[in-house]
């Protein structure tokens, strides 16, 4: 899955160097006409759900990369820029 650290991703995903941010960008670009469709104003109401999904995915990615702890706050780093265990 995309939220896993690079070393734990499927080789095909690793080869493409896909991150949550890149996936979000591609998704927003692909769905831009869907959300701006004036004939279906209900489509625009769905955008906050997609935004929330990517917010959660970004935080899960940060957690799995050791950038944030269970509390959601950034972890302390040592001089080698490694996360210090709580």
N, C-alpha and C. Protein backbone atom coordinates (compact mmCIF):
# COMPACT_ATOMS: atom_id res chain seq x y z
N UNK A 1 0.83 -1.17 0.00
CA UNK A 1 0.00 0.00 0.00
C UNK A 1 0.88 1.25 0.00
N UNK A 2 0.33 2.34 -0.40
CA UNK A 2 1.08 3.58 -0.58
C UNK A 2 1.59 4.15 0.75
N UNK A 3 0.85 3.97 1.84
CA UNK A 3 1.24 4.59 3.12
C UNK A 3 2.42 3.88 3.78
N UNK A 4 2.77 2.71 3.32
CA UNK A 4 3.90 1.97 3.90
C UNK A 4 5.22 2.65 3.56
N UNK A 5 6.22 2.54 4.45
CA UNK A 5 7.54 3.06 4.11
C UNK A 5 8.05 2.41 2.82
N UNK A 6 8.88 3.11 2.10
CA UNK A 6 9.35 2.67 0.79
C UNK A 6 9.86 1.23 0.80
N UNK A 7 10.60 0.84 1.79
CA UNK A 7 11.17 -0.51 1.84
C UNK A 7 10.14 -1.61 2.02
N UNK A 8 8.96 -1.27 2.49
CA UNK A 8 7.91 -2.26 2.73
C UNK A 8 6.83 -2.25 1.65
N UNK A 9 6.97 -1.37 0.67
CA UNK A 9 5.98 -1.29 -0.40
C UNK A 9 6.18 -2.43 -1.40
N UNK A 10 5.13 -2.71 -2.14
CA UNK A 10 5.22 -3.69 -3.22
C UNK A 10 6.25 -3.18 -4.23
N UNK A 11 7.06 -4.07 -4.80
CA UNK A 11 8.11 -3.63 -5.74
C UNK A 11 7.60 -2.76 -6.89
N UNK A 12 6.39 -3.06 -7.41
CA UNK A 12 5.86 -2.26 -8.51
C UNK A 12 5.55 -0.83 -8.07
N UNK A 13 5.03 -0.67 -6.85
CA UNK A 13 4.75 0.66 -6.32
C UNK A 13 6.06 1.38 -6.02
N UNK A 14 7.02 0.65 -5.45
CA UNK A 14 8.32 1.23 -5.13
C UNK A 14 9.01 1.75 -6.39
N UNK A 15 8.88 0.99 -7.47
CA UNK A 15 9.51 1.36 -8.74
C UNK A 15 8.93 2.68 -9.28
N UNK A 16 7.64 2.91 -9.06
CA UNK A 16 6.98 4.12 -9.54
C UNK A 16 7.18 5.31 -8.60
N UNK A 17 7.71 5.04 -7.40
CA UNK A 17 7.97 6.07 -6.39
C UNK A 17 6.71 6.89 -6.08
N UNK A 18 5.60 6.18 -5.82
CA UNK A 18 4.33 6.83 -5.52
C UNK A 18 4.24 7.11 -4.03
N UNK A 19 3.84 8.32 -3.70
CA UNK A 19 3.60 8.71 -2.32
C UNK A 19 2.13 9.14 -2.19
N UNK A 20 1.68 9.32 -0.97
CA UNK A 20 0.31 9.78 -0.75
C UNK A 20 0.10 11.14 -1.40
N UNK A 21 1.09 12.02 -1.29
CA UNK A 21 0.97 13.36 -1.88
C UNK A 21 0.83 13.29 -3.40
N UNK A 22 1.62 12.42 -4.04
CA UNK A 22 1.52 12.27 -5.49
C UNK A 22 0.18 11.67 -5.89
N UNK A 23 -0.30 10.71 -5.11
CA UNK A 23 -1.59 10.10 -5.39
C UNK A 23 -2.72 11.13 -5.23
N UNK A 24 -2.62 11.96 -4.20
CA UNK A 24 -3.62 13.00 -3.98
C UNK A 24 -3.63 13.99 -5.15
N UNK A 25 -2.46 14.39 -5.59
CA UNK A 25 -2.37 15.33 -6.70
C UNK A 25 -3.00 14.75 -7.97
N UNK A 26 -2.69 13.51 -8.28
CA UNK A 26 -3.24 12.86 -9.47
C UNK A 26 -4.76 12.69 -9.35
N UNK A 27 -5.23 12.35 -8.17
CA UNK A 27 -6.66 12.16 -7.94
C UNK A 27 -7.40 13.47 -8.10
N UNK A 28 -6.87 14.54 -7.51
CA UNK A 28 -7.52 15.85 -7.63
C UNK A 28 -7.56 16.32 -9.08
N UNK A 29 -6.49 16.06 -9.81
CA UNK A 29 -6.45 16.45 -11.22
C UNK A 29 -7.48 15.66 -12.02
N UNK A 30 -7.55 14.35 -11.77
CA UNK A 30 -8.48 13.50 -12.51
C UNK A 30 -9.94 13.80 -12.18
N UNK A 31 -10.21 14.22 -10.95
CA UNK A 31 -11.59 14.47 -10.53
C UNK A 31 -11.99 15.94 -10.57
N UNK A 32 -11.13 16.80 -11.06
CA UNK A 32 -11.44 18.25 -11.04
C UNK A 32 -12.72 18.56 -11.82
N UNK A 33 -12.92 17.94 -12.96
CA UNK A 33 -14.14 18.19 -13.73
C UNK A 33 -15.37 17.59 -13.02
N UNK A 34 -15.19 16.49 -12.33
CA UNK A 34 -16.28 15.87 -11.58
C UNK A 34 -16.78 16.82 -10.50
N UNK A 35 -15.85 17.42 -9.75
CA UNK A 35 -16.23 18.30 -8.66
C UNK A 35 -16.77 19.65 -9.14
N UNK A 36 -16.39 20.08 -10.32
CA UNK A 36 -16.83 21.39 -10.82
C UNK A 36 -18.00 21.29 -11.79
N UNK A 37 -18.61 20.13 -11.90
CA UNK A 37 -19.74 19.92 -12.81
C UNK A 37 -20.95 20.70 -12.32
N UNK A 38 -21.35 21.72 -13.07
CA UNK A 38 -22.48 22.57 -12.68
C UNK A 38 -23.81 21.85 -12.80
N UNK A 39 -23.89 20.82 -13.65
CA UNK A 39 -25.14 20.06 -13.80
C UNK A 39 -25.40 19.14 -12.61
N UNK A 40 -24.36 18.82 -11.86
CA UNK A 40 -24.47 17.95 -10.69
C UNK A 40 -23.81 18.62 -9.48
N UNK A 41 -24.49 19.58 -8.87
CA UNK A 41 -23.88 20.31 -7.75
C UNK A 41 -23.58 19.43 -6.54
N UNK A 42 -24.20 18.28 -6.46
CA UNK A 42 -23.93 17.36 -5.35
C UNK A 42 -22.52 16.79 -5.39
N UNK A 43 -21.91 16.81 -6.55
CA UNK A 43 -20.54 16.30 -6.67
C UNK A 43 -19.57 17.10 -5.82
N UNK A 44 -19.73 18.42 -5.81
CA UNK A 44 -18.83 19.28 -5.05
C UNK A 44 -18.92 19.01 -3.55
N UNK A 45 -20.07 18.53 -3.10
CA UNK A 45 -20.24 18.22 -1.68
C UNK A 45 -19.44 17.00 -1.25
N UNK A 46 -18.97 16.24 -2.20
CA UNK A 46 -18.20 15.02 -1.90
C UNK A 46 -16.71 15.30 -1.72
N UNK A 47 -16.27 16.47 -2.15
CA UNK A 47 -14.84 16.80 -2.08
C UNK A 47 -14.29 16.78 -0.66
N UNK A 48 -15.02 17.27 0.36
CA UNK A 48 -14.49 17.21 1.73
C UNK A 48 -14.21 15.77 2.20
N UNK A 49 -14.99 14.82 1.72
CA UNK A 49 -14.73 13.42 2.09
C UNK A 49 -13.39 12.95 1.54
N UNK A 50 -13.14 13.29 0.29
CA UNK A 50 -11.86 12.92 -0.33
C UNK A 50 -10.70 13.61 0.38
N UNK A 51 -10.89 14.88 0.74
CA UNK A 51 -9.86 15.63 1.46
C UNK A 51 -9.55 14.95 2.80
N UNK A 52 -10.59 14.49 3.49
CA UNK A 52 -10.41 13.82 4.78
C UNK A 52 -9.69 12.48 4.62
N UNK A 53 -10.01 11.75 3.58
CA UNK A 53 -9.33 10.48 3.31
C UNK A 53 -7.84 10.71 3.13
N UNK A 54 -7.47 11.73 2.36
CA UNK A 54 -6.05 12.00 2.14
C UNK A 54 -5.38 12.57 3.38
N UNK A 55 -6.11 13.32 4.19
CA UNK A 55 -5.56 13.81 5.46
C UNK A 55 -5.17 12.62 6.35
N UNK A 56 -6.06 11.66 6.45
CA UNK A 56 -5.79 10.48 7.26
C UNK A 56 -4.63 9.67 6.67
N UNK A 57 -4.64 9.51 5.34
CA UNK A 57 -3.57 8.75 4.69
C UNK A 57 -2.20 9.40 4.89
N UNK A 58 -2.14 10.72 4.83
CA UNK A 58 -0.87 11.43 5.05
C UNK A 58 -0.37 11.21 6.48
N UNK A 59 -1.29 11.29 7.44
CA UNK A 59 -0.89 11.07 8.83
C UNK A 59 -0.48 9.63 9.08
N UNK A 60 -1.16 8.69 8.44
CA UNK A 60 -0.76 7.29 8.58
C UNK A 60 0.63 7.07 7.97
N UNK A 61 0.88 7.70 6.84
CA UNK A 61 2.20 7.61 6.20
C UNK A 61 3.27 8.18 7.14
N UNK A 62 3.00 9.34 7.75
CA UNK A 62 3.96 9.94 8.68
C UNK A 62 4.19 9.03 9.88
N UNK A 63 3.13 8.43 10.40
CA UNK A 63 3.24 7.54 11.55
C UNK A 63 4.10 6.32 11.20
N UNK A 64 3.83 5.72 10.06
CA UNK A 64 4.58 4.52 9.65
C UNK A 64 6.03 4.84 9.31
N UNK A 65 6.31 6.09 8.94
CA UNK A 65 7.68 6.50 8.67
C UNK A 65 8.39 6.98 9.94
N UNK A 66 7.68 6.95 11.07
CA UNK A 66 8.28 7.36 12.34
C UNK A 66 8.37 8.86 12.53
N UNK A 67 7.65 9.63 11.70
CA UNK A 67 7.71 11.08 11.80
C UNK A 67 6.82 11.61 12.92
N UNK A 68 5.76 10.90 13.25
CA UNK A 68 4.88 11.29 14.36
C UNK A 68 4.63 10.07 15.23
N UNK A 69 4.33 10.32 16.49
CA UNK A 69 4.04 9.24 17.42
C UNK A 69 2.56 8.93 17.47
N UNK A 70 2.17 8.08 18.40
CA UNK A 70 0.77 7.69 18.52
C UNK A 70 -0.12 8.87 18.87
N UNK A 71 0.43 9.87 19.53
CA UNK A 71 -0.35 11.04 19.92
C UNK A 71 -0.63 11.95 18.73
N UNK A 72 0.08 11.74 17.63
CA UNK A 72 -0.07 12.60 16.46
C UNK A 72 0.88 13.77 16.46
N UNK A 73 1.69 13.89 17.51
CA UNK A 73 2.66 14.98 17.57
C UNK A 73 3.99 14.50 16.99
N UNK A 74 4.76 15.43 16.43
CA UNK A 74 6.08 15.04 15.88
C UNK A 74 6.96 14.42 16.96
N UNK A 75 7.69 13.39 16.57
CA UNK A 75 8.60 12.74 17.51
C UNK A 75 9.89 13.54 17.60
N UNK A 76 10.54 13.42 18.76
CA UNK A 76 11.85 14.04 18.92
C UNK A 76 12.85 13.31 18.03
N UNK A 77 13.85 14.04 17.56
CA UNK A 77 14.86 13.46 16.68
C UNK A 77 16.23 13.59 17.34
N UNK A 78 17.10 12.61 17.08
CA UNK A 78 18.46 12.70 17.59
C UNK A 78 19.35 13.36 16.54
N UNK A 79 20.64 13.43 16.78
CA UNK A 79 21.55 14.11 15.85
C UNK A 79 21.63 13.42 14.50
N UNK A 80 21.28 12.13 14.42
CA UNK A 80 21.30 11.40 13.14
C UNK A 80 19.94 11.49 12.44
N UNK A 81 19.06 12.39 12.93
CA UNK A 81 17.71 12.60 12.38
C UNK A 81 16.86 11.34 12.46
N UNK A 82 17.05 10.54 13.52
CA UNK A 82 16.24 9.36 13.74
C UNK A 82 15.27 9.64 14.87
N UNK A 83 14.06 9.07 14.75
CA UNK A 83 13.04 9.29 15.78
C UNK A 83 13.49 8.65 17.09
N UNK A 84 13.34 9.39 18.15
CA UNK A 84 13.70 8.90 19.49
C UNK A 84 12.48 8.20 20.07
N UNK A 85 12.61 6.95 20.52
CA UNK A 85 11.47 6.23 21.07
C UNK A 85 10.91 6.96 22.29
N UNK A 86 9.58 6.86 22.50
CA UNK A 86 8.97 7.56 23.64
C UNK A 86 9.45 7.04 24.98
